[in-house]
Amino acid sequence: MRNLTVSLCLSLCACSTTGAAQNAPYVLQPGHMDLEIGPDGNTVIFDAPDGLVVVDSGRHAAHAQAILDHAETITGKPVATLVNSHWHLDHTTGNRDILARFPQAGLVATGAMEAALAGFLARSRTAAVERLADPTLPADARARTQRTLAALDDRAAMVPANPVLADGPLELGGRTFIVHVAPAAATEADLWLIAPDEGLAVVGDLVVAQVPFFDTGCEDGWRRALDAIAAEQWTTLVPGHGEPMTRADFTRWRSAFDSWLDCAAGKAEASGCAEGWMANAAGFYAEDERENVRYLAEAYVAEVLRASADQRMAYCVTAAAADPA
């Protein structure tokens, strides 16, 4: 049975993925949303003079293997740089697989993983150890949990040596991207980037097409991050989960996001806020995702967005500093 802790989806589970799909001049390897075994985030692969630039590595072994297959079989190029948009494990667990095969690849991310390993993910590690001590744990669940535990214990594959701290141009794999750091948004610090040659914005979980994942999210910082995304020059946006968006799609999704947060800040029933999301975000989730999306939209309002201030500040401590006012 599902429960929220939806954090288990982000920290203890794994899921299967579809294969890499070519969408020249970049490759989008789509993730998957399954709350029983956990989501995989989208991966974007760019070609660069020094090799491939991979943004997010997914969770499941098959997702990471598809990235490696693309590098070794399709392009014959090494992974030059691995970028993590944020620390959630459905975007970072595959780091170990990629860096084991391409140890020369640099890891580019914010410094938010440090606090996550000491807090949110430390609790996840304890839960993983407890699960593995259960002799009745099915073999497939045991393998997923062992994979999670191995990732959590491989600090070198998770924590960048030189965290990205500020916005600006950054050379990755021999080409220039425009990177942005969003404080106190979907996590303590999210990294998103613009690929000018492709007119592409890759924004991680600052946009989750189906429903925003608010386990570690902060409303004010997240709204500011969406303001910043809207102000940039791009034609296509790749969210952390879901299909690529046009600017019109993003504008409609953002309107649904704002309405949902406004509802959560009011006195309406959480179920009513969920119904509003379902209506306003229609088309951003597949029919077979409907039940999970409705469940998350209601649970995040009831259990996260309406949690006590001290609980929320565990992840939004940088929000005041991020406020330009």
C-alpha atoms as a PDB file:
ATOM      1  CA  MET A   1       0.000   0.000   0.000  1.00  0.00           C
ATOM      2  CA  ARG A   2       1.257   3.491  -0.808  1.00  0.00           C
ATOM      3  CA  ASN A   3       1.731   6.104   1.824  1.00  0.00           C
ATOM      4  CA  LEU A   4       3.325   9.499   2.010  1.00  0.00           C
ATOM      5  CA  THR A   5       6.246   9.263   2.948  1.00  0.00           C
ATOM      6  CA  VAL A   6       6.350   9.821  -0.815  1.00  0.00           C
ATOM      7  CA  SER A   7      10.006  10.217   0.200  1.00  0.00           C
ATOM      8  CA  LEU A   8      10.254   6.456  -0.207  1.00  0.00           C
ATOM      9  CA  CYS A   9       9.626   6.972  -3.911  1.00  0.00           C
ATOM     10  CA  LEU A  10      12.520   9.411  -4.071  1.00  0.00           C
ATOM     11  CA  SER A  11      14.920   7.588  -1.772  1.00  0.00           C
ATOM     12  CA  LEU A  12      14.276   3.861  -1.585  1.00  0.00           C
ATOM     13  CA  CYS A  13      12.639   2.722  -4.798  1.00  0.00           C
ATOM     14  CA  ALA A  14      13.657   2.050  -8.379  1.00  0.00           C
ATOM     15  CA  CYS A  15      11.785   1.697 -11.607  1.00  0.00           C
ATOM     16  CA  SER A  16      12.104   0.501 -15.163  1.00  0.00           C
ATOM     17  CA  THR A  17      12.452   2.879 -18.087  1.00  0.00           C
ATOM     18  CA  THR A  18      11.845   2.958 -21.761  1.00  0.00           C
ATOM     19  CA  GLY A  19      14.870   3.050 -24.032  1.00  0.00           C
ATOM     20  CA  ALA A  20      16.704   6.129 -25.222  1.00  0.00           C
ATOM     21  CA  ALA A  21      14.890   8.047 -27.943  1.00  0.00           C
ATOM     22  CA  GLN A  22      16.629  10.275 -30.452  1.00  0.00           C
ATOM     23  CA  ASN A  23      15.294  13.834 -30.605  1.00  0.00           C
ATOM     24  CA  ALA A  24      18.180  15.464 -32.503  1.00  0.00           C
ATOM     25  CA  PRO A  25      20.265  17.441 -31.802  1.00  0.00           C
ATOM     26  CA  TYR A  26      19.992  16.030 -28.299  1.00  0.00           C
ATOM     27  CA  VAL A  27      18.825  12.706 -26.904  1.00  0.00           C
ATOM     28  CA  LEU A  28      16.011  12.460 -24.386  1.00  0.00           C
ATOM     29  CA  GLN A  29      15.928   9.223 -22.449  1.00  0.00           C
ATOM     30  CA  PRO A  30      12.493   9.394 -20.808  1.00  0.00           C
ATOM     31  CA  GLY A  31      11.924   8.445 -17.211  1.00  0.00           C
ATOM     32  CA  HIS A  32       8.905   6.736 -15.737  1.00  0.00           C
ATOM     33  CA  MET A  33       6.468   7.381 -12.892  1.00  0.00           C
ATOM     34  CA  ASP A  34       5.440   4.378 -10.777  1.00  0.00           C
ATOM     35  CA  LEU A  35       4.759   4.871  -7.082  1.00  0.00           C
ATOM     36  CA  GLU A  36       4.893   1.165  -6.290  1.00  0.00           C
ATOM     37  CA  ILE A  37       8.540   0.826  -7.248  1.00  0.00           C
ATOM     38  CA  GLY A  38       9.452   4.494  -7.611  1.00  0.00           C
ATOM     39  CA  PRO A  39      10.059   7.031 -10.399  1.00  0.00           C
ATOM     40  CA  ASP A  40      12.980   7.506 -12.772  1.00  0.00           C
ATOM     41  CA  GLY A  41      13.765  11.033 -13.894  1.00  0.00           C
ATOM     42  CA  ASN A  42      14.334  12.127 -17.466  1.00  0.00           C
ATOM     43  CA  THR A  43      17.884  12.095 -18.824  1.00  0.00           C
ATOM     44  CA  VAL A  44      19.122  14.480 -21.527  1.00  0.00           C
ATOM     45  CA  ILE A  45      22.314  13.706 -23.462  1.00  0.00           C
ATOM     46  CA  PHE A  46      24.160  16.388 -25.419  1.00  0.00           C
ATOM     47  CA  ASP A  47      26.941  15.922 -27.928  1.00  0.00           C
ATOM     48  CA  ALA A  48      30.021  18.027 -27.223  1.00  0.00           C
ATOM     49  CA  PRO A  49      33.556  18.269 -28.627  1.00  0.00           C
ATOM     50  CA  ASP A  50      35.071  16.362 -25.697  1.00  0.00           C
ATOM     51  CA  GLY A  51      32.364  13.693 -25.482  1.00  0.00           C
ATOM     52  CA  LEU A  52      28.842  13.521 -24.122  1.00  0.00           C
ATOM     53  CA  VAL A  53      27.244  15.765 -21.516  1.00  0.00           C
ATOM     54  CA  VAL A  54      24.682  13.743 -19.555  1.00  0.00           C
ATOM     55  CA  VAL A  55      22.098  15.549 -17.438  1.00  0.00           C
ATOM     56  CA  ASP A  56      20.754  13.234 -14.696  1.00  0.00           C
ATOM     57  CA  SER A  57      21.377   9.510 -14.468  1.00  0.00           C
ATOM     58  CA  GLY A  58      18.071   8.008 -13.347  1.00  0.00           C
ATOM     59  CA  ARG A  59      17.506   5.420 -10.685  1.00  0.00           C
ATOM     60  CA  HIS A  60      17.097   1.948 -12.123  1.00  0.00           C
ATOM     61  CA  ALA A  61      20.034  -0.058 -13.471  1.00  0.00           C
ATOM     62  CA  ALA A  62      18.336  -0.351 -16.879  1.00  0.00           C
ATOM     63  CA  HIS A  63      18.101   3.441 -17.134  1.00  0.00           C
ATOM     64  CA  ALA A  64      21.820   3.859 -16.451  1.00  0.00           C
ATOM     65  CA  GLN A  65      22.643   1.041 -18.866  1.00  0.00           C
ATOM     66  CA  ALA A  66      20.710   2.777 -21.625  1.00  0.00           C
ATOM     67  CA  ILE A  67      22.905   5.847 -21.113  1.00  0.00           C
ATOM     68  CA  LEU A  68      26.029   3.695 -21.336  1.00  0.00           C
ATOM     69  CA  ASP A  69      24.696   1.902 -24.411  1.00  0.00           C
ATOM     70  CA  HIS A  70      24.099   5.248 -26.093  1.00  0.00           C
ATOM     71  CA  ALA A  71      27.664   6.318 -25.352  1.00  0.00           C
ATOM     72  CA  GLU A  72      29.390   3.097 -26.284  1.00  0.00           C
ATOM     73  CA  THR A  73      27.212   1.594 -29.012  1.00  0.00           C
ATOM     74  CA  ILE A  74      25.431   4.479 -30.716  1.00  0.00           C
ATOM     75  CA  THR A  75      27.915   7.362 -30.531  1.00  0.00           C
ATOM     76  CA  GLY A  76      31.179   5.659 -29.584  1.00  0.00           C
ATOM     77  CA  LYS A  77      31.912   8.702 -27.432  1.00  0.00           C
ATOM     78  CA  PRO A  78      32.799   8.833 -23.742  1.00  0.00           C
ATOM     79  CA  VAL A  79      30.763  10.660 -21.153  1.00  0.00           C
ATOM     80  CA  ALA A  80      32.786  13.813 -20.580  1.00  0.00           C
ATOM     81  CA  THR A  81      30.550  15.436 -17.974  1.00  0.00           C
ATOM     82  CA  LEU A  82      27.732  14.216 -15.738  1.00  0.00           C
ATOM     83  CA  VAL A  83      25.345  16.906 -14.509  1.00  0.00           C
ATOM     84  CA  ASN A  84      22.856  16.425 -11.665  1.00  0.00           C
ATOM     85  CA  SER A  85      19.943  18.856 -11.629  1.00  0.00           C
ATOM     86  CA  HIS A  86      19.263  18.005  -7.973  1.00  0.00           C
ATOM     87  CA  TRP A  87      19.968  15.286  -5.419  1.00  0.00           C
ATOM     88  CA  HIS A  88      16.784  13.172  -5.520  1.00  0.00           C
ATOM     89  CA  LEU A  89      17.857   9.581  -6.078  1.00  0.00           C
ATOM     90  CA  ASP A  90      15.653   9.043  -9.111  1.00  0.00           C
ATOM     91  CA  HIS A  91      18.054  11.484 -10.825  1.00  0.00           C
ATOM     92  CA  THR A  92      21.388  10.475  -9.241  1.00  0.00           C
ATOM     93  CA  THR A  93      21.555   6.757  -8.432  1.00  0.00           C
ATOM     94  CA  GLY A  94      22.924   5.975 -11.902  1.00  0.00           C
ATOM     95  CA  ASN A  95      25.941   8.214 -11.215  1.00  0.00           C
ATOM     96  CA  ARG A  96      27.869   5.191  -9.938  1.00  0.00           C
ATOM     97  CA  ASP A  97      27.294   3.217 -13.137  1.00  0.00           C
ATOM     98  CA  ILE A  98      28.359   6.055 -15.402  1.00  0.00           C
ATOM     99  CA  LEU A  99      31.384   7.147 -13.393  1.00  0.00           C
ATOM    100  CA  ALA A 100      32.570   3.550 -12.995  1.00  0.00           C
ATOM    101  CA  ARG A 101      32.669   3.231 -16.789  1.00  0.00           C
ATOM    102  CA  PHE A 102      33.911   6.790 -17.430  1.00  0.00           C
ATOM    103  CA  PRO A 103      35.936   7.719 -14.326  1.00  0.00           C
ATOM    104  CA  GLN A 104      37.409  10.756 -16.074  1.00  0.00           C
ATOM    105  CA  ALA A 105      33.967  12.369 -16.336  1.00  0.00           C
ATOM    106  CA  GLY A 106      33.457  15.385 -14.133  1.00  0.00           C
ATOM    107  CA  LEU A 107      30.439  15.623 -11.802  1.00  0.00           C
ATOM    108  CA  VAL A 108      28.646  18.970 -11.956  1.00  0.00           C
ATOM    109  CA  ALA A 109      26.003  19.784  -9.343  1.00  0.00           C
ATOM    110  CA  THR A 110      25.143  22.188  -6.541  1.00  0.00           C
ATOM    111  CA  GLY A 111      26.312  21.505  -3.000  1.00  0.00           C
ATOM    112  CA  ALA A 112      22.865  20.432  -1.783  1.00  0.00           C
ATOM    113  CA  MET A 113      23.771  16.735  -1.690  1.00  0.00           C
ATOM    114  CA  GLU A 114      25.919  17.366   1.409  1.00  0.00           C
ATOM    115  CA  ALA A 115      22.949  18.379   3.565  1.00  0.00           C
ATOM    116  CA  ALA A 116      20.761  15.700   1.996  1.00  0.00           C
ATOM    117  CA  LEU A 117      23.204  12.926   2.932  1.00  0.00           C
ATOM    118  CA  ALA A 118      23.325  14.223   6.488  1.00  0.00           C
ATOM    119  CA  GLY A 119      19.542  14.538   6.829  1.00  0.00           C
ATOM    120  CA  PHE A 120      16.887  13.250   4.442  1.00  0.00           C
ATOM    121  CA  LEU A 121      19.090  10.586   2.886  1.00  0.00           C
ATOM    122  CA  ALA A 122      20.577   9.499   6.212  1.00  0.00           C
ATOM    123  CA  ARG A 123      17.073   8.487   7.229  1.00  0.00           C
ATOM    124  CA  SER A 124      16.673   6.781   3.880  1.00  0.00           C
ATOM    125  CA  ARG A 125      19.870   4.833   4.486  1.00  0.00           C
ATOM    126  CA  THR A 126      18.616   3.651   7.879  1.00  0.00           C
ATOM    127  CA  ALA A 127      15.358   2.542   6.299  1.00  0.00           C
ATOM    128  CA  ALA A 128      17.271   0.685   3.575  1.00  0.00           C
ATOM    129  CA  VAL A 129      19.351  -1.210   6.128  1.00  0.00           C
ATOM    130  CA  GLU A 130      16.210  -2.145   8.025  1.00  0.00           C
ATOM    131  CA  ARG A 131      14.546  -3.397   4.843  1.00  0.00           C
ATOM    132  CA  LEU A 132      17.527  -5.580   3.998  1.00  0.00           C
ATOM    133  CA  ALA A 133      17.357  -7.156   7.460  1.00  0.00           C
ATOM    134  CA  ASP A 134      13.880  -8.493   6.642  1.00  0.00           C
ATOM    135  CA  PRO A 135      14.277 -12.111   5.431  1.00  0.00           C
ATOM    136  CA  THR A 136      10.890 -11.951   3.700  1.00  0.00           C
ATOM    137  CA  LEU A 137      11.889  -9.047   1.428  1.00  0.00           C
ATOM    138  CA  PRO A 138      11.302 -10.179  -2.189  1.00  0.00           C
ATOM    139  CA  ALA A 139      14.397 -10.595  -4.347  1.00  0.00           C
ATOM    140  CA  ASP A 140      13.568  -7.729  -6.710  1.00  0.00           C
ATOM    141  CA  ALA A 141      12.925  -5.323  -3.835  1.00  0.00           C
ATOM    142  CA  ARG A 142      16.133  -6.506  -2.167  1.00  0.00           C
ATOM    143  CA  ALA A 143      18.133  -5.766  -5.319  1.00  0.00           C
ATOM    144  CA  ARG A 144      16.645  -2.278  -5.612  1.00  0.00           C
ATOM    145  CA  THR A 145      17.352  -1.544  -1.968  1.00  0.00           C
ATOM    146  CA  GLN A 146      20.932  -2.809  -2.240  1.00  0.00           C
ATOM    147  CA  ARG A 147      21.424  -0.550  -5.242  1.00  0.00           C
ATOM    148  CA  THR A 148      20.127   2.427  -3.269  1.00  0.00           C
ATOM    149  CA  LEU A 149      22.371   1.652  -0.313  1.00  0.00           C
ATOM    150  CA  ALA A 150      25.422   1.330  -2.570  1.00  0.00           C
ATOM    151  CA  ALA A 151      24.654   4.728  -4.097  1.00  0.00           C
ATOM    152  CA  LEU A 152      24.247   6.391  -0.712  1.00  0.00           C
ATOM    153  CA  ASP A 153      27.587   4.985   0.431  1.00  0.00           C
ATOM    154  CA  ASP A 154      29.501   6.118  -2.669  1.00  0.00           C
ATOM    155  CA  ARG A 155      30.181   9.715  -1.756  1.00  0.00           C
ATOM    156  CA  ALA A 156      32.578  10.290  -4.646  1.00  0.00           C
ATOM    157  CA  ALA A 157      29.805   9.535  -7.131  1.00  0.00           C
ATOM    158  CA  MET A 158      27.267  11.795  -5.421  1.00  0.00           C
ATOM    159  CA  VAL A 159      29.069  14.901  -4.118  1.00  0.00           C
ATOM    160  CA  PRO A 160      30.796  17.245  -6.605  1.00  0.00           C
ATOM    161  CA  ALA A 161      34.336  18.309  -5.801  1.00  0.00           C
ATOM    162  CA  ASN A 162      33.552  21.888  -6.868  1.00  0.00           C
ATOM    163  CA  PRO A 163      29.842  22.666  -6.441  1.00  0.00           C
ATOM    164  CA  VAL A 164      28.163  25.160  -8.737  1.00  0.00           C
ATOM    165  CA  LEU A 165      27.243  28.157  -6.613  1.00  0.00           C
ATOM    166  CA  ALA A 166      26.022  30.826  -9.016  1.00  0.00           C
ATOM    167  CA  ASP A 167      24.433  31.539 -12.378  1.00  0.00           C
ATOM    168  CA  GLY A 168      26.507  32.044 -15.492  1.00  0.00           C
ATOM    169  CA  PRO A 169      28.132  30.447 -18.529  1.00  0.00           C
ATOM    170  CA  LEU A 170      29.886  27.141 -17.874  1.00  0.00           C
ATOM    171  CA  GLU A 171      31.944  25.044 -20.250  1.00  0.00           C
ATOM    172  CA  LEU A 172      30.914  21.393 -20.146  1.00  0.00           C
ATOM    173  CA  GLY A 173      32.500  18.853 -22.457  1.00  0.00           C
ATOM    174  CA  GLY A 174      34.055  21.617 -24.524  1.00  0.00           C
ATOM    175  CA  ARG A 175      30.866  23.595 -25.203  1.00  0.00           C
ATOM    176  CA  THR A 176      29.213  26.426 -23.323  1.00  0.00           C
ATOM    177  CA  PHE A 177      25.938  26.136 -21.422  1.00  0.00           C
ATOM    178  CA  ILE A 178      24.191  28.760 -19.312  1.00  0.00           C
ATOM    179  CA  VAL A 179      23.652  27.340 -15.839  1.00  0.00           C
ATOM    180  CA  HIS A 180      21.386  28.606 -13.087  1.00  0.00           C
ATOM    181  CA  VAL A 181      21.139  27.769  -9.402  1.00  0.00           C
ATOM    182  CA  ALA A 182      17.690  28.005  -7.816  1.00  0.00           C
ATOM    183  CA  PRO A 183      17.903  28.153  -4.006  1.00  0.00           C
ATOM    184  CA  ALA A 184      15.134  26.754  -1.811  1.00  0.00           C
ATOM    185  CA  ALA A 185      13.010  25.512  -4.711  1.00  0.00           C
ATOM    186  CA  ALA A 186      12.393  21.800  -5.397  1.00  0.00           C
ATOM    187  CA  THR A 187      15.362  21.143  -3.087  1.00  0.00           C
ATOM    188  CA  GLU A 188      17.795  23.266  -1.118  1.00  0.00           C
ATOM    189  CA  ALA A 189      19.521  24.163  -4.409  1.00  0.00           C
ATOM    190  CA  ASP A 190      18.503  23.065  -7.912  1.00  0.00           C
ATOM    191  CA  LEU A 191      20.651  23.378 -11.015  1.00  0.00           C
ATOM    192  CA  TRP A 192      19.048  24.026 -14.386  1.00  0.00           C
ATOM    193  CA  LEU A 193      20.617  24.911 -17.681  1.00  0.00           C
ATOM    194  CA  ILE A 194      20.089  26.424 -21.098  1.00  0.00           C
ATOM    195  CA  ALA A 195      21.681  24.857 -24.186  1.00  0.00           C
ATOM    196  CA  PRO A 196      21.750  27.891 -26.516  1.00  0.00           C
ATOM    197  CA  ASP A 197      22.503  25.929 -29.704  1.00  0.00           C
ATOM    198  CA  GLU A 198      19.385  23.810 -29.243  1.00  0.00           C
ATOM    199  CA  GLY A 199      17.194  26.497 -27.672  1.00  0.00           C
ATOM    200  CA  LEU A 200      16.650  23.968 -24.897  1.00  0.00           C
ATOM    201  CA  ALA A 201      15.975  24.436 -21.187  1.00  0.00           C
ATOM    202  CA  VAL A 202      16.670  21.407 -18.996  1.00  0.00           C
ATOM    203  CA  VAL A 203      15.144  22.157 -15.617  1.00  0.00           C
ATOM    204  CA  GLY A 204      15.006  18.945 -13.568  1.00  0.00           C
ATOM    205  CA  ASP A 205      12.198  18.750 -11.036  1.00  0.00           C
ATOM    206  CA  LEU A 206      11.516  22.479 -11.128  1.00  0.00           C
ATOM    207  CA  VAL A 207       8.940  21.243 -13.623  1.00  0.00           C
ATOM    208  CA  VAL A 208       7.365  17.829 -13.117  1.00  0.00           C
ATOM    209  CA  ALA A 209       4.702  17.601 -15.771  1.00  0.00           C
ATOM    210  CA  GLN A 210       2.431  15.191 -13.896  1.00  0.00           C
ATOM    211  CA  VAL A 211       2.498  16.909 -10.484  1.00  0.00           C
ATOM    212  CA  PRO A 212       5.233  18.840  -8.604  1.00  0.00           C
ATOM    213  CA  PHE A 213       7.214  16.584  -6.241  1.00  0.00           C
ATOM    214  CA  PHE A 214       7.054  18.613  -3.025  1.00  0.00           C
ATOM    215  CA  ASP A 215       8.812  16.272  -0.572  1.00  0.00           C
ATOM    216  CA  THR A 216      11.647  18.776  -0.141  1.00  0.00           C
ATOM    217  CA  GLY A 217      10.114  21.746  -1.933  1.00  0.00           C
ATOM    218  CA  CYS A 218       9.708  25.385  -0.911  1.00  0.00           C
ATOM    219  CA  GLU A 219       6.859  27.391  -2.384  1.00  0.00           C
ATOM    220  CA  ASP A 220       8.423  30.854  -2.551  1.00  0.00           C
ATOM    221  CA  GLY A 221      11.777  29.744  -3.929  1.00  0.00           C
ATOM    222  CA  TRP A 222      10.068  27.463  -6.433  1.00  0.00           C
ATOM    223  CA  ARG A 223       7.911  30.310  -7.726  1.00  0.00           C
ATOM    224  CA  ARG A 224      11.028  32.462  -8.121  1.00  0.00           C
ATOM    225  CA  ALA A 225      12.736  29.666 -10.031  1.00  0.00           C
ATOM    226  CA  LEU A 226       9.808  29.473 -12.446  1.00  0.00           C
ATOM    227  CA  ASP A 227      10.015  33.246 -12.885  1.00  0.00           C
ATOM    228  CA  ALA A 228      13.672  32.837 -13.858  1.00  0.00           C
ATOM    229  CA  ILE A 229      12.906  30.028 -16.304  1.00  0.00           C
ATOM    230  CA  ALA A 230      10.201  32.138 -17.948  1.00  0.00           C
ATOM    231  CA  ALA A 231      12.645  35.033 -18.343  1.00  0.00           C
ATOM    232  CA  GLU A 232      15.251  32.964 -20.231  1.00  0.00           C
ATOM    233  CA  GLN A 233      15.451  32.437 -23.991  1.00  0.00           C
ATOM    234  CA  TRP A 234      14.470  28.898 -25.007  1.00  0.00           C
ATOM    235  CA  THR A 235      12.112  27.129 -27.364  1.00  0.00           C
ATOM    236  CA  THR A 236      11.714  23.689 -25.758  1.00  0.00           C
ATOM    237  CA  LEU A 237      11.794  22.748 -22.078  1.00  0.00           C
ATOM    238  CA  VAL A 238      12.611  19.270 -20.755  1.00  0.00           C
ATOM    239  CA  PRO A 239      11.070  18.706 -17.314  1.00  0.00           C
ATOM    240  CA  GLY A 240      12.375  16.325 -14.685  1.00  0.00           C
ATOM    241  CA  HIS A 241       9.463  13.999 -15.470  1.00  0.00           C
ATOM    242  CA  GLY A 242       7.094  14.038 -18.408  1.00  0.00           C
ATOM    243  CA  GLU A 243       7.125  15.129 -22.021  1.00  0.00           C
ATOM    244  CA  PRO A 244       9.057  18.139 -23.392  1.00  0.00           C
ATOM    245  CA  MET A 245       7.122  21.405 -23.337  1.00  0.00           C
ATOM    246  CA  THR A 246       6.714  24.399 -25.579  1.00  0.00           C
ATOM    247  CA  ARG A 247       6.615  27.862 -24.009  1.00  0.00           C
ATOM    248  CA  ALA A 248       2.814  27.745 -24.186  1.00  0.00           C
ATOM    249  CA  ASP A 249       2.827  24.386 -22.383  1.00  0.00           C
ATOM    250  CA  PHE A 250       5.105  25.774 -19.685  1.00  0.00           C
ATOM    251  CA  THR A 251       2.899  28.819 -19.208  1.00  0.00           C
ATOM    252  CA  ARG A 252      -0.163  26.616 -18.731  1.00  0.00           C
ATOM    253  CA  TRP A 253       1.685  24.259 -16.365  1.00  0.00           C
ATOM    254  CA  ARG A 254       2.947  27.213 -14.344  1.00  0.00           C
ATOM    255  CA  SER A 255      -0.598  28.584 -14.053  1.00  0.00           C
ATOM    256  CA  ALA A 256      -1.754  25.187 -12.744  1.00  0.00           C
ATOM    257  CA  PHE A 257       1.168  25.195 -10.286  1.00  0.00           C
ATOM    258  CA  ASP A 258       0.267  28.640  -8.946  1.00  0.00           C
ATOM    259  CA  SER A 259      -3.421  27.760  -8.600  1.00  0.00           C
ATOM    260  CA  TRP A 260      -2.588  24.561  -6.739  1.00  0.00           C
ATOM    261  CA  LEU A 261      -0.299  26.371  -4.298  1.00  0.00           C
ATOM    262  CA  ASP A 262      -2.886  29.105  -3.790  1.00  0.00           C
ATOM    263  CA  CYS A 263      -5.462  26.436  -2.989  1.00  0.00           C
ATOM    264  CA  ALA A 264      -3.076  24.773  -0.526  1.00  0.00           C
ATOM    265  CA  ALA A 265      -2.558  28.125   1.216  1.00  0.00           C
ATOM    266  CA  GLY A 266      -6.310  28.508   1.654  1.00  0.00           C
ATOM    267  CA  LYS A 267      -8.947  26.557   3.515  1.00  0.00           C
ATOM    268  CA  ALA A 268     -10.294  24.294   0.788  1.00  0.00           C
ATOM    269  CA  GLU A 269     -10.220  20.553   1.340  1.00  0.00           C
ATOM    270  CA  ALA A 270      -7.014  18.927   0.124  1.00  0.00           C
ATOM    271  CA  SER A 271      -9.130  16.754  -2.133  1.00  0.00           C
ATOM    272  CA  GLY A 272     -10.565  19.888  -3.736  1.00  0.00           C
ATOM    273  CA  CYS A 273      -7.064  21.236  -4.403  1.00  0.00           C
ATOM    274  CA  ALA A 274      -6.223  17.898  -6.019  1.00  0.00           C
ATOM    275  CA  GLU A 275      -9.294  18.111  -8.230  1.00  0.00           C
ATOM    276  CA  GLY A 276      -8.226  21.587  -9.291  1.00  0.00           C
ATOM    277  CA  TRP A 277      -4.789  20.291 -10.225  1.00  0.00           C
ATOM    278  CA  MET A 278      -6.279  17.421 -12.207  1.00  0.00           C
ATOM    279  CA  ALA A 279      -8.398  19.820 -14.230  1.00  0.00           C
ATOM    280  CA  ASN A 280      -5.766  22.506 -14.762  1.00  0.00           C
ATOM    281  CA  ALA A 281      -2.962  20.047 -15.566  1.00  0.00           C
ATOM    282  CA  ALA A 282      -5.013  17.866 -17.899  1.00  0.00           C
ATOM    283  CA  GLY A 283      -2.805  16.698 -20.746  1.00  0.00           C
ATOM    284  CA  PHE A 284       0.388  16.753 -18.690  1.00  0.00           C
ATOM    285  CA  TYR A 285      -0.242  13.291 -17.245  1.00  0.00           C
ATOM    286  CA  ALA A 286      -1.143  10.059 -19.011  1.00  0.00           C
ATOM    287  CA  GLU A 287      -4.391   8.241 -18.333  1.00  0.00           C
ATOM    288  CA  ASP A 288      -2.565   5.396 -16.600  1.00  0.00           C
ATOM    289  CA  GLU A 289      -0.926   7.965 -14.285  1.00  0.00           C
ATOM    290  CA  ARG A 290      -4.209   9.562 -13.226  1.00  0.00           C
ATOM    291  CA  GLU A 291      -4.622   7.680  -9.933  1.00  0.00           C
ATOM    292  CA  ASN A 292      -1.060   8.357  -8.812  1.00  0.00           C
ATOM    293  CA  VAL A 293      -1.238  12.015  -9.819  1.00  0.00           C
ATOM    294  CA  ARG A 294      -4.473  12.585  -7.905  1.00  0.00           C
ATOM    295  CA  TYR A 295      -3.042  10.797  -4.863  1.00  0.00           C
ATOM    296  CA  LEU A 296       0.129  12.915  -4.866  1.00  0.00           C
ATOM    297  CA  ALA A 297      -1.684  16.201  -5.522  1.00  0.00           C
ATOM    298  CA  GLU A 298      -3.884  15.623  -2.476  1.00  0.00           C
ATOM    299  CA  ALA A 299      -1.207  14.136  -0.220  1.00  0.00           C
ATOM    300  CA  TYR A 300       1.284  16.937  -0.829  1.00  0.00           C
ATOM    301  CA  VAL A 301      -1.324  19.516   0.183  1.00  0.00           C
ATOM    302  CA  ALA A 302      -2.448  17.642   3.296  1.00  0.00           C
ATOM    303  CA  GLU A 303       0.909  16.357   4.523  1.00  0.00           C
ATOM    304  CA  VAL A 304       3.580  18.693   3.147  1.00  0.00           C
ATOM    305  CA  LEU A 305       2.258  22.090   2.105  1.00  0.00           C
ATOM    306  CA  ARG A 306       0.116  22.316   5.243  1.00  0.00           C
ATOM    307  CA  ALA A 307       2.756  20.909   7.574  1.00  0.00           C
ATOM    308  CA  SER A 308       3.989  23.011  10.478  1.00  0.00           C
ATOM    309  CA  ALA A 309       6.425  25.819   9.760  1.00  0.00           C
ATOM    310  CA  ASP A 310       9.301  24.103  11.578  1.00  0.00           C
ATOM    311  CA  GLN A 311       8.861  20.971   9.456  1.00  0.00           C
ATOM    312  CA  ARG A 312       8.866  22.995   6.238  1.00  0.00           C
ATOM    313  CA  MET A 313      11.925  25.022   7.232  1.00  0.00           C
ATOM    314  CA  ALA A 314      13.988  21.841   7.355  1.00  0.00           C
ATOM    315  CA  TYR A 315      14.226  22.196   3.574  1.00  0.00           C
ATOM    316  CA  CYS A 316      13.456  25.895   3.084  1.00  0.00           C
ATOM    317  CA  VAL A 317      16.067  27.365   5.403  1.00  0.00           C
ATOM    318  CA  THR A 318      17.690  29.271   2.531  1.00  0.00           C
ATOM    319  CA  ALA A 319      14.408  30.798   1.392  1.00  0.00           C
ATOM    320  CA  ALA A 320      14.877  34.066   3.276  1.00  0.00           C
ATOM    321  CA  ALA A 321      18.362  34.536   1.869  1.00  0.00           C
ATOM    322  CA  ALA A 322      17.068  33.849  -1.619  1.00  0.00           C
ATOM    323  CA  ASP A 323      14.375  36.527  -1.362  1.00  0.00           C
ATOM    324  CA  PRO A 324      15.596  39.666  -3.131  1.00  0.00           C
ATOM    325  CA  ALA A 325      13.311  41.756  -0.934  1.00  0.00           C
END
